[in-house]
Amino acid sequence: CALDDMDRSANDFAVAGVADLAFHRAIAIATHNPYFSGFVDFLAHQ
């Protein structure tokens, strides 16, 4: 879904950036390690 959002929003840089962040966050969540996903989530927001 995040990749599809990036494709649809390629010309809206703010929205595409949010979708990009969502893709990397989804990978972090998929580790099923709350410490790991929390750190990656923190870094992504920065």
PDB file of all heavy atoms in Angstrom:
ATOM      1  N   CYS A   1       0.833  -1.211   0.000  1.00  0.00           N
ATOM      2  CA  CYS A   1       0.000   0.000   0.000  1.00  0.00           C
ATOM      3  C   CYS A   1       0.866   1.258   0.000  1.00  0.00           C
ATOM      4  O   CYS A   1       0.563   2.231  -0.696  1.00  0.00           O
ATOM      5  CB  CYS A   1      -0.930  -0.004   1.212  1.00  0.00           C
ATOM      6  SG  CYS A   1      -2.293  -1.171   1.096  1.00  0.00           S
ATOM      7  N   ALA A   2       1.945   1.240   0.773  1.00  0.00           N
ATOM      8  CA  ALA A   2       2.842   2.397   0.813  1.00  0.00           C
ATOM      9  C   ALA A   2       3.499   2.624  -0.547  1.00  0.00           C
ATOM     10  O   ALA A   2       3.623   3.768  -1.008  1.00  0.00           O
ATOM     11  CB  ALA A   2       3.903   2.209   1.896  1.00  0.00           C
ATOM     12  N   LEU A   3       3.928   1.544  -1.214  1.00  0.00           N
ATOM     13  CA  LEU A   3       4.521   1.682  -2.549  1.00  0.00           C
ATOM     14  C   LEU A   3       3.501   2.236  -3.538  1.00  0.00           C
ATOM     15  O   LEU A   3       3.821   3.101  -4.358  1.00  0.00           O
ATOM     16  CB  LEU A   3       5.041   0.329  -3.037  1.00  0.00           C
ATOM     17  CG  LEU A   3       6.346  -0.170  -2.417  1.00  0.00           C
ATOM     18  CD1 LEU A   3       6.707  -1.520  -3.008  1.00  0.00           C
ATOM     19  CD2 LEU A   3       7.477   0.816  -2.642  1.00  0.00           C
ATOM     20  N   ASP A   4       2.269   1.757  -3.456  1.00  0.00           N
ATOM     21  CA  ASP A   4       1.225   2.269  -4.340  1.00  0.00           C
ATOM     22  C   ASP A   4       0.976   3.753  -4.080  1.00  0.00           C
ATOM     23  O   ASP A   4       0.774   4.531  -5.019  1.00  0.00           O
ATOM     24  CB  ASP A   4      -0.073   1.482  -4.148  1.00  0.00           C
ATOM     25  CG  ASP A   4       0.021   0.056  -4.679  1.00  0.00           C
ATOM     26  OD1 ASP A   4       0.962  -0.229  -5.459  1.00  0.00           O
ATOM     27  OD2 ASP A   4      -0.831  -0.770  -4.303  1.00  0.00           O
ATOM     28  N   ASP A   5       0.983   4.150  -2.814  1.00  0.00           N
ATOM     29  CA  ASP A   5       0.794   5.563  -2.472  1.00  0.00           C
ATOM     30  C   ASP A   5       1.925   6.417  -3.037  1.00  0.00           C
ATOM     31  O   ASP A   5       1.702   7.539  -3.502  1.00  0.00           O
ATOM     32  CB  ASP A   5       0.725   5.740  -0.952  1.00  0.00           C
ATOM     33  CG  ASP A   5      -0.589   5.244  -0.365  1.00  0.00           C
ATOM     34  OD1 ASP A   5      -1.552   5.046  -1.142  1.00  0.00           O
ATOM     35  OD2 ASP A   5      -0.649   5.048   0.864  1.00  0.00           O
ATOM     36  N   MET A   6       3.152   5.900  -3.003  1.00  0.00           N
ATOM     37  CA  MET A   6       4.282   6.635  -3.581  1.00  0.00           C
ATOM     38  C   MET A   6       4.099   6.816  -5.083  1.00  0.00           C
ATOM     39  O   MET A   6       4.353   7.891  -5.625  1.00  0.00           O
ATOM     40  CB  MET A   6       5.601   5.923  -3.280  1.00  0.00           C
ATOM     41  CG  MET A   6       6.140   6.185  -1.890  1.00  0.00           C
ATOM     42  SD  MET A   6       7.793   5.469  -1.635  1.00  0.00           S
ATOM     43  CE  MET A   6       7.363   3.887  -0.905  1.00  0.00           C
ATOM     44  N   ASP A   7       3.646   5.761  -5.752  1.00  0.00           N
ATOM     45  CA  ASP A   7       3.418   5.846  -7.196  1.00  0.00           C
ATOM     46  C   ASP A   7       2.358   6.899  -7.523  1.00  0.00           C
ATOM     47  O   ASP A   7       2.521   7.700  -8.438  1.00  0.00           O
ATOM     48  CB  ASP A   7       2.980   4.492  -7.745  1.00  0.00           C
ATOM     49  CG  ASP A   7       4.122   3.487  -7.819  1.00  0.00           C
ATOM     50  OD1 ASP A   7       5.291   3.920  -7.895  1.00  0.00           O
ATOM     51  OD2 ASP A   7       3.833   2.273  -7.796  1.00  0.00           O
ATOM     52  N   ARG A   8       1.266   6.885  -6.752  1.00  0.00           N
ATOM     53  CA  ARG A   8       0.166   7.813  -7.021  1.00  0.00           C
ATOM     54  C   ARG A   8       0.514   9.257  -6.690  1.00  0.00           C
ATOM     55  O   ARG A   8      -0.069  10.182  -7.254  1.00  0.00           O
ATOM     56  CB  ARG A   8      -1.080   7.403  -6.229  1.00  0.00           C
ATOM     57  CG  ARG A   8      -1.801   6.190  -6.778  1.00  0.00           C
ATOM     58  CD  ARG A   8      -3.160   6.038  -6.109  1.00  0.00           C
ATOM     59  NE  ARG A   8      -3.035   5.737  -4.696  1.00  0.00           N
ATOM     60  CZ  ARG A   8      -2.999   4.507  -4.194  1.00  0.00           C
ATOM     61  NH1 ARG A   8      -3.064   3.458  -5.006  1.00  0.00           N
ATOM     62  NH2 ARG A   8      -2.886   4.318  -2.899  1.00  0.00           N
ATOM     63  N   SER A   9       1.444   9.454  -5.752  1.00  0.00           N
ATOM     64  CA  SER A   9       1.740  10.799  -5.251  1.00  0.00           C
ATOM     65  C   SER A   9       3.100  11.314  -5.696  1.00  0.00           C
ATOM     66  O   SER A   9       3.652  12.217  -5.069  1.00  0.00           O
ATOM     67  CB  SER A   9       1.675  10.800  -3.714  1.00  0.00           C
ATOM     68  OG  SER A   9       0.458  10.288  -3.251  1.00  0.00           O
ATOM     69  N   ALA A  10       3.630  10.757  -6.780  1.00  0.00           N
ATOM     70  CA  ALA A  10       4.998  11.098  -7.193  1.00  0.00           C
ATOM     71  C   ALA A  10       5.207  12.583  -7.415  1.00  0.00           C
ATOM     72  O   ALA A  10       6.318  13.095  -7.261  1.00  0.00           O
ATOM     73  CB  ALA A  10       5.367  10.314  -8.455  1.00  0.00           C
ATOM     74  N   ASN A  11       4.152  13.317  -7.783  1.00  0.00           N
ATOM     75  CA  ASN A  11       4.288  14.752  -8.047  1.00  0.00           C
ATOM     76  C   ASN A  11       3.875  15.619  -6.864  1.00  0.00           C
ATOM     77  O   ASN A  11       3.911  16.843  -6.950  1.00  0.00           O
ATOM     78  CB  ASN A  11       3.466  15.129  -9.283  1.00  0.00           C
ATOM     79  CG  ASN A  11       3.999  14.477 -10.540  1.00  0.00           C
ATOM     80  OD1 ASN A  11       5.218  14.386 -10.734  1.00  0.00           O
ATOM     81  ND2 ASN A  11       3.112  13.991 -11.390  1.00  0.00           N
ATOM     82  N   ASP A  12       3.442  15.010  -5.788  1.00  0.00           N
ATOM     83  CA  ASP A  12       3.116  15.737  -4.553  1.00  0.00           C
ATOM     84  C   ASP A  12       4.166  15.327  -3.533  1.00  0.00           C
ATOM     85  O   ASP A  12       4.042  14.324  -2.851  1.00  0.00           O
ATOM     86  CB  ASP A  12       1.711  15.373  -4.082  1.00  0.00           C
ATOM     87  CG  ASP A  12       1.254  16.226  -2.903  1.00  0.00           C
ATOM     88  OD1 ASP A  12       2.118  16.704  -2.143  1.00  0.00           O
ATOM     89  OD2 ASP A  12       0.023  16.409  -2.751  1.00  0.00           O
ATOM     90  N   PHE A  13       5.232  16.124  -3.451  1.00  0.00           N
ATOM     91  CA  PHE A  13       6.420  15.693  -2.730  1.00  0.00           C
ATOM     92  C   PHE A  13       6.166  15.471  -1.237  1.00  0.00           C
ATOM     93  O   PHE A  13       6.730  14.554  -0.636  1.00  0.00           O
ATOM     94  CB  PHE A  13       7.549  16.697  -2.937  1.00  0.00           C
ATOM     95  CG  PHE A  13       7.810  17.006  -4.381  1.00  0.00           C
ATOM     96  CD1 PHE A  13       7.949  18.320  -4.820  1.00  0.00           C
ATOM     97  CD2 PHE A  13       7.872  15.991  -5.324  1.00  0.00           C
ATOM     98  CE1 PHE A  13       8.172  18.608  -6.152  1.00  0.00           C
ATOM     99  CE2 PHE A  13       8.095  16.266  -6.656  1.00  0.00           C
ATOM    100  CZ  PHE A  13       8.242  17.582  -7.072  1.00  0.00           C
ATOM    101  N   ALA A  14       5.324  16.305  -0.628  1.00  0.00           N
ATOM    102  CA  ALA A  14       5.042  16.138   0.796  1.00  0.00           C
ATOM    103  C   ALA A  14       4.316  14.826   1.053  1.00  0.00           C
ATOM    104  O   ALA A  14       4.664  14.075   1.967  1.00  0.00           O
ATOM    105  CB  ALA A  14       4.222  17.317   1.315  1.00  0.00           C
ATOM    106  N   VAL A  15       3.303  14.528   0.234  1.00  0.00           N
ATOM    107  CA  VAL A  15       2.543  13.283   0.414  1.00  0.00           C
ATOM    108  C   VAL A  15       3.403  12.072   0.071  1.00  0.00           C
ATOM    109  O   VAL A  15       3.369  11.048   0.755  1.00  0.00           O
ATOM    110  CB  VAL A  15       1.262  13.310  -0.451  1.00  0.00           C
ATOM    111  CG1 VAL A  15       0.524  11.980  -0.362  1.00  0.00           C
ATOM    112  CG2 VAL A  15       0.347  14.446   0.008  1.00  0.00           C
ATOM    113  N   ALA A  16       4.200  12.177  -0.987  1.00  0.00           N
ATOM    114  CA  ALA A  16       5.084  11.070  -1.364  1.00  0.00           C
ATOM    115  C   ALA A  16       6.098  10.791  -0.255  1.00  0.00           C
ATOM    116  O   ALA A  16       6.432   9.630   0.018  1.00  0.00           O
ATOM    117  CB  ALA A  16       5.807  11.387  -2.671  1.00  0.00           C
ATOM    118  N   GLY A  17       6.593  11.847   0.374  1.00  0.00           N
ATOM    119  CA  GLY A  17       7.533  11.660   1.478  1.00  0.00           C
ATOM    120  C   GLY A  17       6.904  10.919   2.641  1.00  0.00           C
ATOM    121  O   GLY A  17       7.543  10.077   3.285  1.00  0.00           O
ATOM    122  N   VAL A  18       5.633  11.232   2.920  1.00  0.00           N
ATOM    123  CA  VAL A  18       4.916  10.520   3.983  1.00  0.00           C
ATOM    124  C   VAL A  18       4.765   9.044   3.625  1.00  0.00           C
ATOM    125  O   VAL A  18       4.935   8.158   4.463  1.00  0.00           O
ATOM    126  CB  VAL A  18       3.534  11.170   4.227  1.00  0.00           C
ATOM    127  CG1 VAL A  18       2.688  10.308   5.160  1.00  0.00           C
ATOM    128  CG2 VAL A  18       3.708  12.565   4.813  1.00  0.00           C
ATOM    129  N   ALA A  19       4.443   8.762   2.358  1.00  0.00           N
ATOM    130  CA  ALA A  19       4.291   7.372   1.916  1.00  0.00           C
ATOM    131  C   ALA A  19       5.629   6.628   1.960  1.00  0.00           C
ATOM    132  O   ALA A  19       5.685   5.442   2.306  1.00  0.00           O
ATOM    133  CB  ALA A  19       3.709   7.334   0.500  1.00  0.00           C
ATOM    134  N   ASP A  20       6.703   7.327   1.604  1.00  0.00           N
ATOM    135  CA  ASP A  20       8.042   6.750   1.679  1.00  0.00           C
ATOM    136  C   ASP A  20       8.354   6.341   3.116  1.00  0.00           C
ATOM    137  O   ASP A  20       8.826   5.233   3.400  1.00  0.00           O
ATOM    138  CB  ASP A  20       9.048   7.787   1.166  1.00  0.00           C
ATOM    139  CG  ASP A  20      10.452   7.232   0.980  1.00  0.00           C
ATOM    140  OD1 ASP A  20      10.765   6.177   1.546  1.00  0.00           O
ATOM    141  OD2 ASP A  20      11.239   7.882   0.270  1.00  0.00           O
ATOM    142  N   LEU A  21       8.066   7.248   4.038  1.00  0.00           N
ATOM    143  CA  LEU A  21       8.271   6.953   5.449  1.00  0.00           C
ATOM    144  C   LEU A  21       7.428   5.749   5.868  1.00  0.00           C
ATOM    145  O   LEU A  21       7.889   4.873   6.600  1.00  0.00           O
ATOM    146  CB  LEU A  21       7.898   8.187   6.268  1.00  0.00           C
ATOM    147  CG  LEU A  21       8.171   8.186   7.769  1.00  0.00           C
ATOM    148  CD1 LEU A  21       8.331   9.623   8.253  1.00  0.00           C
ATOM    149  CD2 LEU A  21       7.054   7.521   8.533  1.00  0.00           C
ATOM    150  N   ALA A  22       6.187   5.681   5.373  1.00  0.00           N
ATOM    151  CA  ALA A  22       5.288   4.582   5.736  1.00  0.00           C
ATOM    152  C   ALA A  22       5.834   3.234   5.262  1.00  0.00           C
ATOM    153  O   ALA A  22       5.675   2.218   5.945  1.00  0.00           O
ATOM    154  CB  ALA A  22       3.897   4.822   5.148  1.00  0.00           C
ATOM    155  N   PHE A  23       6.479   3.220   4.097  1.00  0.00           N
ATOM    156  CA  PHE A  23       7.062   1.975   3.593  1.00  0.00           C
ATOM    157  C   PHE A  23       8.155   1.468   4.526  1.00  0.00           C
ATOM    158  O   PHE A  23       8.178   0.294   4.917  1.00  0.00           O
ATOM    159  CB  PHE A  23       7.629   2.196   2.192  1.00  0.00           C
ATOM    160  CG  PHE A  23       8.365   1.003   1.637  1.00  0.00           C
ATOM    161  CD1 PHE A  23       7.670  -0.130   1.244  1.00  0.00           C
ATOM    162  CD2 PHE A  23       9.751   1.017   1.517  1.00  0.00           C
ATOM    163  CE1 PHE A  23       8.346  -1.249   0.744  1.00  0.00           C
ATOM    164  CE2 PHE A  23      10.428  -0.085   1.015  1.00  0.00           C
ATOM    165  CZ  PHE A  23       9.723  -1.223   0.622  1.00  0.00           C
ATOM    166  N   HIS A  24       9.067   2.356   4.903  1.00  0.00           N
ATOM    167  CA  HIS A  24      10.167   1.942   5.773  1.00  0.00           C
ATOM    168  C   HIS A  24       9.669   1.615   7.176  1.00  0.00           C
ATOM    169  O   HIS A  24      10.216   0.731   7.850  1.00  0.00           O
ATOM    170  CB  HIS A  24      11.248   3.015   5.778  1.00  0.00           C
ATOM    171  CG  HIS A  24      11.980   3.112   4.478  1.00  0.00           C
ATOM    172  ND1 HIS A  24      12.965   2.224   4.111  1.00  0.00           N
ATOM    173  CD2 HIS A  24      11.843   3.966   3.429  1.00  0.00           C
ATOM    174  CE1 HIS A  24      13.426   2.527   2.904  1.00  0.00           C
ATOM    175  NE2 HIS A  24      12.751   3.580   2.473  1.00  0.00           N
ATOM    176  N   ARG A  25       8.626   2.296   7.627  1.00  0.00           N
ATOM    177  CA  ARG A  25       8.040   1.972   8.924  1.00  0.00           C
ATOM    178  C   ARG A  25       7.398   0.583   8.879  1.00  0.00           C
ATOM    179  O   ARG A  25       7.493  -0.187   9.835  1.00  0.00           O
ATOM    180  CB  ARG A  25       7.006   3.010   9.324  1.00  0.00           C
ATOM    181  CG  ARG A  25       6.308   2.650  10.641  1.00  0.00           C
ATOM    182  CD  ARG A  25       5.176   3.602  10.962  1.00  0.00           C
ATOM    183  NE  ARG A  25       5.680   4.899  11.344  1.00  0.00           N
ATOM    184  CZ  ARG A  25       5.105   6.055  11.003  1.00  0.00           C
ATOM    185  NH1 ARG A  25       4.028   6.045  10.247  1.00  0.00           N
ATOM    186  NH2 ARG A  25       5.603   7.198  11.402  1.00  0.00           N
ATOM    187  N   ALA A  26       6.731   0.276   7.759  1.00  0.00           N
ATOM    188  CA  ALA A  26       6.093  -1.038   7.637  1.00  0.00           C
ATOM    189  C   ALA A  26       7.128  -2.156   7.719  1.00  0.00           C
ATOM    190  O   ALA A  26       6.868  -3.216   8.307  1.00  0.00           O
ATOM    191  CB  ALA A  26       5.320  -1.122   6.319  1.00  0.00           C
ATOM    192  N   ILE A  27       8.304  -1.919   7.142  1.00  0.00           N
ATOM    193  CA  ILE A  27       9.382  -2.917   7.243  1.00  0.00           C
ATOM    194  C   ILE A  27       9.816  -3.063   8.702  1.00  0.00           C
ATOM    195  O   ILE A  27      10.004  -4.182   9.199  1.00  0.00           O
ATOM    196  CB  ILE A  27      10.571  -2.520   6.357  1.00  0.00           C
ATOM    197  CG1 ILE A  27      10.178  -2.589   4.874  1.00  0.00           C
ATOM    198  CG2 ILE A  27      11.777  -3.424   6.638  1.00  0.00           C
ATOM    199  CD1 ILE A  27      11.230  -2.059   3.928  1.00  0.00           C
ATOM    200  N   ALA A  28       9.966  -1.940   9.396  1.00  0.00           N
ATOM    201  CA  ALA A  28      10.374  -1.994  10.805  1.00  0.00           C
ATOM    202  C   ALA A  28       9.336  -2.728  11.647  1.00  0.00           C
ATOM    203  O   ALA A  28       9.677  -3.544  12.508  1.00  0.00           O
ATOM    204  CB  ALA A  28      10.590  -0.584  11.331  1.00  0.00           C
ATOM    205  N   ILE A  29       8.062  -2.448  11.410  1.00  0.00           N
ATOM    206  CA  ILE A  29       6.999  -3.121  12.157  1.00  0.00           C
ATOM    207  C   ILE A  29       7.027  -4.624  11.877  1.00  0.00           C
ATOM    208  O   ILE A  29       6.759  -5.436  12.766  1.00  0.00           O
ATOM    209  CB  ILE A  29       5.633  -2.507  11.800  1.00  0.00           C
ATOM    210  CG1 ILE A  29       5.546  -1.081  12.366  1.00  0.00           C
ATOM    211  CG2 ILE A  29       4.482  -3.359  12.322  1.00  0.00           C
ATOM    212  CD1 ILE A  29       4.330  -0.319  11.901  1.00  0.00           C
ATOM    213  N   ALA A  30       7.375  -4.995  10.645  1.00  0.00           N
ATOM    214  CA  ALA A  30       7.407  -6.405  10.258  1.00  0.00           C
ATOM    215  C   ALA A  30       8.504  -7.187  10.971  1.00  0.00           C
ATOM    216  O   ALA A  30       8.521  -8.427  10.917  1.00  0.00           O
ATOM    217  CB  ALA A  30       7.575  -6.536   8.740  1.00  0.00           C
ATOM    218  N   THR A  31       9.432  -6.511  11.638  1.00  0.00           N
ATOM    219  CA  THR A  31      10.422  -7.231  12.446  1.00  0.00           C
ATOM    220  C   THR A  31       9.776  -7.844  13.682  1.00  0.00           C
ATOM    221  O   THR A  31      10.333  -8.766  14.281  1.00  0.00           O
ATOM    222  CB  THR A  31      11.567  -6.310  12.905  1.00  0.00           C
ATOM    223  OG1 THR A  31      11.073  -5.350  13.847  1.00  0.00           O
ATOM    224  CG2 THR A  31      12.226  -5.600  11.731  1.00  0.00           C
ATOM    225  N   HIS A  32       8.641  -7.285  14.098  1.00  0.00           N
ATOM    226  CA  HIS A  32       7.937  -7.727  15.311  1.00  0.00           C
ATOM    227  C   HIS A  32       8.835  -7.665  16.539  1.00  0.00           C
ATOM    228  O   HIS A  32       8.750  -8.485  17.446  1.00  0.00           O
ATOM    229  CB  HIS A  32       7.309  -9.108  15.098  1.00  0.00           C
ATOM    230  CG  HIS A  32       6.244  -9.081  14.054  1.00  0.00           C
ATOM    231  ND1 HIS A  32       4.941  -8.722  14.319  1.00  0.00           N
ATOM    232  CD2 HIS A  32       6.309  -9.293  12.709  1.00  0.00           C
ATOM    233  CE1 HIS A  32       4.236  -8.752  13.200  1.00  0.00           C
ATOM    234  NE2 HIS A  32       5.050  -9.085  12.206  1.00  0.00           N
ATOM    235  N   ASN A  33       9.694  -6.670  16.519  1.00  0.00           N
ATOM    236  CA  ASN A  33      10.544  -6.331  17.662  1.00  0.00           C
ATOM    237  C   ASN A  33      10.181  -4.901  18.048  1.00  0.00           C
ATOM    238  O   ASN A  33      10.549  -3.965  17.337  1.00  0.00           O
ATOM    239  CB  ASN A  33      12.021  -6.439  17.272  1.00  0.00           C
ATOM    240  CG  ASN A  33      12.964  -6.057  18.410  1.00  0.00           C
ATOM    241  OD1 ASN A  33      12.615  -5.277  19.285  1.00  0.00           O
ATOM    242  ND2 ASN A  33      14.171  -6.596  18.372  1.00  0.00           N
ATOM    243  N   PRO A  34       9.457  -4.693  19.136  1.00  0.00           N
ATOM    244  CA  PRO A  34       8.986  -3.343  19.457  1.00  0.00           C
ATOM    245  C   PRO A  34      10.105  -2.338  19.693  1.00  0.00           C
ATOM    246  O   PRO A  34       9.950  -1.159  19.384  1.00  0.00           O
ATOM    247  CB  PRO A  34       8.140  -3.545  20.724  1.00  0.00           C
ATOM    248  CG  PRO A  34       8.611  -4.847  21.295  1.00  0.00           C
ATOM    249  CD  PRO A  34       9.008  -5.689  20.124  1.00  0.00           C
ATOM    250  N   TYR A  35      11.245  -2.791  20.214  1.00  0.00           N
ATOM    251  CA  TYR A  35      12.365  -1.871  20.401  1.00  0.00           C
ATOM    252  C   TYR A  35      12.932  -1.456  19.050  1.00  0.00           C
ATOM    253  O   TYR A  35      13.258  -0.294  18.819  1.00  0.00           O
ATOM    254  CB  TYR A  35      13.468  -2.520  21.250  1.00  0.00           C
ATOM    255  CG  TYR A  35      13.071  -2.845  22.666  1.00  0.00           C
ATOM    256  CD1 TYR A  35      13.690  -3.872  23.355  1.00  0.00           C
ATOM    257  CD2 TYR A  35      12.075  -2.114  23.326  1.00  0.00           C
ATOM    258  CE1 TYR A  35      13.331  -4.178  24.664  1.00  0.00           C
ATOM    259  CE2 TYR A  35      11.718  -2.407  24.627  1.00  0.00           C
ATOM    260  CZ  TYR A  35      12.340  -3.440  25.292  1.00  0.00           C
ATOM    261  OH  TYR A  35      11.991  -3.738  26.573  1.00  0.00           O
ATOM    262  N   PHE A  36      13.062  -2.428  18.174  1.00  0.00           N
ATOM    263  CA  PHE A  36      13.621  -2.143  16.854  1.00  0.00           C
ATOM    264  C   PHE A  36      12.698  -1.209  16.082  1.00  0.00           C
ATOM    265  O   PHE A  36      13.129  -0.199  15.534  1.00  0.00           O
ATOM    266  CB  PHE A  36      13.811  -3.443  16.080  1.00  0.00           C
ATOM    267  CG  PHE A  36      14.766  -3.319  14.931  1.00  0.00           C
ATOM    268  CD1 PHE A  36      16.067  -3.789  15.045  1.00  0.00           C
ATOM    269  CD2 PHE A  36      14.371  -2.737  13.746  1.00  0.00           C
ATOM    270  CE1 PHE A  36      16.957  -3.665  13.989  1.00  0.00           C
ATOM    271  CE2 PHE A  36      15.253  -2.619  12.683  1.00  0.00           C
ATOM    272  CZ  PHE A  36      16.549  -3.076  12.804  1.00  0.00           C
ATOM    273  N   SER A  37      11.412  -1.550  16.039  1.00  0.00           N
ATOM    274  CA  SER A  37      10.488  -0.719  15.273  1.00  0.00           C
ATOM    275  C   SER A  37      10.366   0.666  15.894  1.00  0.00           C
ATOM    276  O   SER A  37      10.215   1.662  15.182  1.00  0.00           O
ATOM    277  CB  SER A  37       9.115  -1.391  15.173  1.00  0.00           C
ATOM    278  OG  SER A  37       8.557  -1.619  16.450  1.00  0.00           O
ATOM    279  N   GLY A  38      10.448   0.763  17.217  1.00  0.00           N
ATOM    280  CA  GLY A  38      10.395   2.080  17.866  1.00  0.00           C
ATOM    281  C   GLY A  38      11.563   2.956  17.472  1.00  0.00           C
ATOM    282  O   GLY A  38      11.397   4.146  17.205  1.00  0.00           O
ATOM    283  N   PHE A  39      12.756   2.371  17.401  1.00  0.00           N
ATOM    284  CA  PHE A  39      13.929   3.155  17.008  1.00  0.00           C
ATOM    285  C   PHE A  39      13.842   3.603  15.562  1.00  0.00           C
ATOM    286  O   PHE A  39      14.096   4.763  15.235  1.00  0.00           O
ATOM    287  CB  PHE A  39      15.210   2.337  17.215  1.00  0.00           C
ATOM    288  CG  PHE A  39      16.428   3.029  16.672  1.00  0.00           C
ATOM    289  CD1 PHE A  39      16.980   4.106  17.333  1.00  0.00           C
ATOM    290  CD2 PHE A  39      17.001   2.616  15.480  1.00  0.00           C
ATOM    291  CE1 PHE A  39      18.093   4.763  16.817  1.00  0.00           C
ATOM    292  CE2 PHE A  39      18.107   3.263  14.963  1.00  0.00           C
ATOM    293  CZ  PHE A  39      18.649   4.339  15.639  1.00  0.00           C
ATOM    294  N   VAL A  40      13.464   2.670  14.674  1.00  0.00           N
ATOM    295  CA  VAL A  40      13.354   3.031  13.262  1.00  0.00           C
ATOM    296  C   VAL A  40      12.247   4.062  13.063  1.00  0.00           C
ATOM    297  O   VAL A  40      12.371   4.982  12.253  1.00  0.00           O
ATOM    298  CB  VAL A  40      13.121   1.781  12.397  1.00  0.00           C
ATOM    299  CG1 VAL A  40      12.866   2.160  10.949  1.00  0.00           C
ATOM    300  CG2 VAL A  40      14.339   0.858  12.492  1.00  0.00           C
ATOM    301  N   ASP A  41      11.163   3.935  13.821  1.00  0.00           N
ATOM    302  CA  ASP A  41      10.079   4.910  13.745  1.00  0.00           C
ATOM    303  C   ASP A  41      10.578   6.287  14.165  1.00  0.00           C
ATOM    304  O   ASP A  41      10.310   7.286  13.505  1.00  0.00           O
ATOM    305  CB  ASP A  41       8.929   4.467  14.632  1.00  0.00           C
ATOM    306  CG  ASP A  41       7.652   5.248  14.372  1.00  0.00           C
ATOM    307  OD1 ASP A  41       7.342   5.503  13.198  1.00  0.00           O
ATOM    308  OD2 ASP A  41       6.957   5.575  15.346  1.00  0.00           O
ATOM    309  N   PHE A  42      11.333   6.341  15.258  1.00  0.00           N
ATOM    310  CA  PHE A  42      11.910   7.607  15.711  1.00  0.00           C
ATOM    311  C   PHE A  42      12.802   8.214  14.635  1.00  0.00           C
ATOM    312  O   PHE A  42      12.683   9.386  14.290  1.00  0.00           O
ATOM    313  CB  PHE A  42      12.735   7.390  16.982  1.00  0.00           C
ATOM    314  CG  PHE A  42      13.834   8.403  17.160  1.00  0.00           C
ATOM    315  CD1 PHE A  42      13.546   9.688  17.558  1.00  0.00           C
ATOM    316  CD2 PHE A  42      15.141   8.065  16.890  1.00  0.00           C
ATOM    317  CE1 PHE A  42      14.561  10.633  17.691  1.00  0.00           C
ATOM    318  CE2 PHE A  42      16.157   8.991  17.022  1.00  0.00           C
ATOM    319  CZ  PHE A  42      15.860  10.284  17.431  1.00  0.00           C
ATOM    320  N   LEU A  43      13.678   7.402  14.073  1.00  0.00           N
ATOM    321  CA  LEU A  43      14.609   7.906  13.067  1.00  0.00           C
ATOM    322  C   LEU A  43      13.865   8.408  11.839  1.00  0.00           C
ATOM    323  O   LEU A  43      14.194   9.458  11.283  1.00  0.00           O
ATOM    324  CB  LEU A  43      15.591   6.802  12.679  1.00  0.00           C
ATOM    325  CG  LEU A  43      16.714   7.197  11.719  1.00  0.00           C
ATOM    326  CD1 LEU A  43      17.597   8.272  12.324  1.00  0.00           C
ATOM    327  CD2 LEU A  43      17.541   5.967  11.354  1.00  0.00           C
ATOM    328  N   ALA A  44      12.835   7.674  11.434  1.00  0.00           N
ATOM    329  CA  ALA A  44      12.082   8.059  10.247  1.00  0.00           C
ATOM    330  C   ALA A  44      11.445   9.426  10.419  1.00  0.00           C
ATOM    331  O   ALA A  44      11.413  10.233   9.488  1.00  0.00           O
ATOM    332  CB  ALA A  44      11.024   7.005   9.942  1.00  0.00           C
ATOM    333  N   HIS A  45      10.921   9.709  11.598  1.00  0.00           N
ATOM    334  CA  HIS A  45      10.293  11.007  11.824  1.00  0.00           C
ATOM    335  C   HIS A  45      11.298  12.138  11.675  1.00  0.00           C
ATOM    336  O   HIS A  45      10.971  13.214  11.180  1.00  0.00           O
ATOM    337  CB  HIS A  45       9.665  11.053  13.219  1.00  0.00           C
ATOM    338  CG  HIS A  45       8.375  10.306  13.307  1.00  0.00           C
ATOM    339  ND1 HIS A  45       7.279  10.628  12.543  1.00  0.00           N
ATOM    340  CD2 HIS A  45       8.011   9.236  14.052  1.00  0.00           C
ATOM    341  CE1 HIS A  45       6.291   9.795  12.823  1.00  0.00           C
ATOM    342  NE2 HIS A  45       6.714   8.937  13.728  1.00  0.00           N
ATOM    343  N   GLN A  46      12.526  11.919  12.075  1.00  0.00           N
ATOM    344  CA  GLN A  46      13.538  12.948  11.948  1.00  0.00           C
ATOM    345  C   GLN A  46      13.888  13.208  10.483  1.00  0.00           C
ATOM    346  O   GLN A  46      14.390  14.270  10.119  1.00  0.00           O
ATOM    347  CB  GLN A  46      14.821  12.545  12.699  1.00  0.00           C
ATOM    348  CG  GLN A  46      14.605  12.024  14.101  1.00  0.00           C
ATOM    349  CD  GLN A  46      13.776  12.948  14.948  1.00  0.00           C
ATOM    350  OE1 GLN A  46      14.063  14.121  15.053  1.00  0.00           O
ATOM    351  NE2 GLN A  46      12.737  12.416  15.552  1.00  0.00           N
TER     352      GLN A  46
END
